[in-house]
């Protein structure tokens, strides 16, 4: 079994240049996850929903920690994206996945 790449290195110049965009995406994702609600009623749906919100928020924390260390964390990207898809937030999942290219195209804006 191979271990996934830890992430993509970001130069200090690019980090400074794209910091606002990166943080805007991550903060918006956090807000969307916290404002979401279970698609169905019932304890099981509520429990699954809470689990996915927690996953999204933990993934965001990984992304922020990686960003502060000059990396776009691959595991954080995957975790956040997967949780957002489970919450029905496909568009936001794609934005998170696009963060890996933030220094290439600048298209990850709200």
C-alpha atoms as a PDB file:
ATOM      1  CA  UNK A   1       0.000   0.000   0.000  1.00  0.00           C
ATOM      2  CA  UNK A   2       1.427   3.376  -0.971  1.00  0.00           C
ATOM      3  CA  UNK A   3       1.002   6.454   1.142  1.00  0.00           C
ATOM      4  CA  UNK A   4      -0.578   9.469  -0.515  1.00  0.00           C
ATOM      5  CA  UNK A   5       1.539  12.502  -1.260  1.00  0.00           C
ATOM      6  CA  UNK A   6       1.515  14.893   1.680  1.00  0.00           C
ATOM      7  CA  UNK A   7       0.439  17.743  -0.548  1.00  0.00           C
ATOM      8  CA  UNK A   8       1.658  20.414  -2.862  1.00  0.00           C
ATOM      9  CA  UNK A   9       4.333  22.846  -1.728  1.00  0.00           C
ATOM     10  CA  UNK A  10       3.451  26.531  -2.029  1.00  0.00           C
ATOM     11  CA  UNK A  11       6.153  29.164  -2.224  1.00  0.00           C
ATOM     12  CA  UNK A  12       6.092  31.909   0.408  1.00  0.00           C
ATOM     13  CA  UNK A  13       5.398  34.425  -2.377  1.00  0.00           C
ATOM     14  CA  UNK A  14       2.399  32.471  -3.676  1.00  0.00           C
ATOM     15  CA  UNK A  15       1.191  31.857  -0.149  1.00  0.00           C
ATOM     16  CA  UNK A  16       1.199  35.576   0.505  1.00  0.00           C
ATOM     17  CA  UNK A  17      -0.400  36.296  -2.872  1.00  0.00           C
ATOM     18  CA  UNK A  18      -3.225  33.739  -2.515  1.00  0.00           C
ATOM     19  CA  UNK A  19      -3.719  33.746   1.256  1.00  0.00           C
ATOM     20  CA  UNK A  20      -6.940  35.744   1.143  1.00  0.00           C
ATOM     21  CA  UNK A  21      -8.476  33.546  -1.564  1.00  0.00           C
ATOM     22  CA  UNK A  22      -7.447  30.320   0.179  1.00  0.00           C
ATOM     23  CA  UNK A  23      -8.788  31.439   3.545  1.00  0.00           C
ATOM     24  CA  UNK A  24     -11.992  32.738   1.960  1.00  0.00           C
ATOM     25  CA  UNK A  25     -12.695  29.329   0.442  1.00  0.00           C
ATOM     26  CA  UNK A  26     -11.893  27.481   3.672  1.00  0.00           C
ATOM     27  CA  UNK A  27     -13.973  29.835   5.825  1.00  0.00           C
ATOM     28  CA  UNK A  28     -16.900  29.629   3.413  1.00  0.00           C
ATOM     29  CA  UNK A  29     -16.701  25.836   3.494  1.00  0.00           C
ATOM     30  CA  UNK A  30     -16.742  25.889   7.297  1.00  0.00           C
ATOM     31  CA  UNK A  31     -19.799  28.136   7.275  1.00  0.00           C
ATOM     32  CA  UNK A  32     -21.618  26.016   4.684  1.00  0.00           C
ATOM     33  CA  UNK A  33     -20.945  22.816   6.613  1.00  0.00           C
ATOM     34  CA  UNK A  34     -22.097  24.304   9.914  1.00  0.00           C
ATOM     35  CA  UNK A  35     -25.234  25.813   8.346  1.00  0.00           C
ATOM     36  CA  UNK A  36     -26.242  22.581   6.613  1.00  0.00           C
ATOM     37  CA  UNK A  37     -28.978  20.350   7.932  1.00  0.00           C
ATOM     38  CA  UNK A  38     -29.716  16.646   7.599  1.00  0.00           C
ATOM     39  CA  UNK A  39     -31.552  15.802   4.369  1.00  0.00           C
ATOM     40  CA  UNK A  40     -33.965  13.561   6.284  1.00  0.00           C
ATOM     41  CA  UNK A  41     -35.487  13.469   9.730  1.00  0.00           C
ATOM     42  CA  UNK A  42     -34.522  10.907  12.321  1.00  0.00           C
ATOM     43  CA  UNK A  43     -31.681  10.089  14.663  1.00  0.00           C
ATOM     44  CA  UNK A  44     -29.641   8.145  12.124  1.00  0.00           C
ATOM     45  CA  UNK A  45     -29.745  10.972   9.579  1.00  0.00           C
ATOM     46  CA  UNK A  46     -28.817  13.484  12.286  1.00  0.00           C
ATOM     47  CA  UNK A  47     -25.922  11.323  13.459  1.00  0.00           C
ATOM     48  CA  UNK A  48     -24.601  10.871   9.896  1.00  0.00           C
ATOM     49  CA  UNK A  49     -24.951  14.603   9.280  1.00  0.00           C
ATOM     50  CA  UNK A  50     -23.031  15.514  12.445  1.00  0.00           C
ATOM     51  CA  UNK A  51     -20.286  13.089  11.448  1.00  0.00           C
ATOM     52  CA  UNK A  52     -19.957  14.662   7.995  1.00  0.00           C
ATOM     53  CA  UNK A  53     -19.913  18.205   9.402  1.00  0.00           C
ATOM     54  CA  UNK A  54     -17.168  17.142  11.815  1.00  0.00           C
ATOM     55  CA  UNK A  55     -15.207  15.570   8.949  1.00  0.00           C
ATOM     56  CA  UNK A  56     -15.511  18.756   6.878  1.00  0.00           C
ATOM     57  CA  UNK A  57     -14.376  20.944   9.778  1.00  0.00           C
ATOM     58  CA  UNK A  58     -11.452  18.657  10.626  1.00  0.00           C
ATOM     59  CA  UNK A  59     -10.457  18.642   6.963  1.00  0.00           C
ATOM     60  CA  UNK A  60     -10.551  22.441   6.957  1.00  0.00           C
ATOM     61  CA  UNK A  61      -8.314  22.477  10.029  1.00  0.00           C
ATOM     62  CA  UNK A  62      -5.864  20.230   8.180  1.00  0.00           C
ATOM     63  CA  UNK A  63      -5.967  22.560   5.182  1.00  0.00           C
ATOM     64  CA  UNK A  64      -5.254  25.610   7.348  1.00  0.00           C
ATOM     65  CA  UNK A  65      -2.401  23.863   9.177  1.00  0.00           C
ATOM     66  CA  UNK A  66      -0.899  22.765   5.886  1.00  0.00           C
ATOM     67  CA  UNK A  67      -1.284  26.227   4.374  1.00  0.00           C
ATOM     68  CA  UNK A  68       0.481  27.765   7.368  1.00  0.00           C
ATOM     69  CA  UNK A  69       3.322  25.280   6.768  1.00  0.00           C
ATOM     70  CA  UNK A  70       3.500  26.166   3.047  1.00  0.00           C
ATOM     71  CA  UNK A  71       1.602  23.139   1.732  1.00  0.00           C
ATOM     72  CA  UNK A  72      -1.816  22.322   0.359  1.00  0.00           C
ATOM     73  CA  UNK A  73      -2.522  19.227   2.428  1.00  0.00           C
ATOM     74  CA  UNK A  74      -3.647  16.327   0.211  1.00  0.00           C
ATOM     75  CA  UNK A  75      -5.336  14.426   3.049  1.00  0.00           C
ATOM     76  CA  UNK A  76      -7.149  17.564   4.206  1.00  0.00           C
ATOM     77  CA  UNK A  77      -8.308  18.278   0.673  1.00  0.00           C
ATOM     78  CA  UNK A  78      -9.617  14.738   0.256  1.00  0.00           C
ATOM     79  CA  UNK A  79     -11.285  14.628   3.678  1.00  0.00           C
ATOM     80  CA  UNK A  80     -12.998  17.982   3.238  1.00  0.00           C
ATOM     81  CA  UNK A  81     -14.132  17.232  -0.299  1.00  0.00           C
ATOM     82  CA  UNK A  82     -15.526  13.818   0.620  1.00  0.00           C
ATOM     83  CA  UNK A  83     -17.477  15.264   3.552  1.00  0.00           C
ATOM     84  CA  UNK A  84     -18.856  18.124   1.465  1.00  0.00           C
ATOM     85  CA  UNK A  85     -20.067  15.698  -1.191  1.00  0.00           C
ATOM     86  CA  UNK A  86     -21.807  13.664   1.519  1.00  0.00           C
ATOM     87  CA  UNK A  87     -23.474  16.890   2.683  1.00  0.00           C
ATOM     88  CA  UNK A  88     -24.684  17.576  -0.868  1.00  0.00           C
ATOM     89  CA  UNK A  89     -22.265  20.488  -1.349  1.00  0.00           C
ATOM     90  CA  UNK A  90     -20.702  19.290  -4.603  1.00  0.00           C
ATOM     91  CA  UNK A  91     -19.834  22.789  -5.838  1.00  0.00           C
ATOM     92  CA  UNK A  92     -17.907  23.536  -2.647  1.00  0.00           C
ATOM     93  CA  UNK A  93     -16.216  20.138  -2.815  1.00  0.00           C
ATOM     94  CA  UNK A  94     -14.959  21.061  -6.286  1.00  0.00           C
ATOM     95  CA  UNK A  95     -13.662  24.383  -4.985  1.00  0.00           C
ATOM     96  CA  UNK A  96     -11.722  22.603  -2.261  1.00  0.00           C
ATOM     97  CA  UNK A  97     -10.318  20.149  -4.800  1.00  0.00           C
ATOM     98  CA  UNK A  98      -9.309  23.127  -6.951  1.00  0.00           C
ATOM     99  CA  UNK A  99      -7.212  24.638  -4.167  1.00  0.00           C
ATOM    100  CA  UNK A 100      -4.300  22.462  -5.241  1.00  0.00           C
ATOM    101  CA  UNK A 101      -4.103  24.629  -8.381  1.00  0.00           C
ATOM    102  CA  UNK A 102      -4.501  27.966  -6.633  1.00  0.00           C
ATOM    103  CA  UNK A 103      -1.033  29.102  -7.673  1.00  0.00           C
ATOM    104  CA  UNK A 104      -1.587  28.030 -11.283  1.00  0.00           C
ATOM    105  CA  UNK A 105      -4.847  29.621 -12.362  1.00  0.00           C
ATOM    106  CA  UNK A 106      -6.346  31.733  -9.573  1.00  0.00           C
ATOM    107  CA  UNK A 107      -9.821  30.392 -10.412  1.00  0.00           C
ATOM    108  CA  UNK A 108     -10.768  29.351  -6.852  1.00  0.00           C
ATOM    109  CA  UNK A 109     -12.807  32.386  -5.976  1.00  0.00           C
ATOM    110  CA  UNK A 110     -16.241  32.553  -4.389  1.00  0.00           C
END
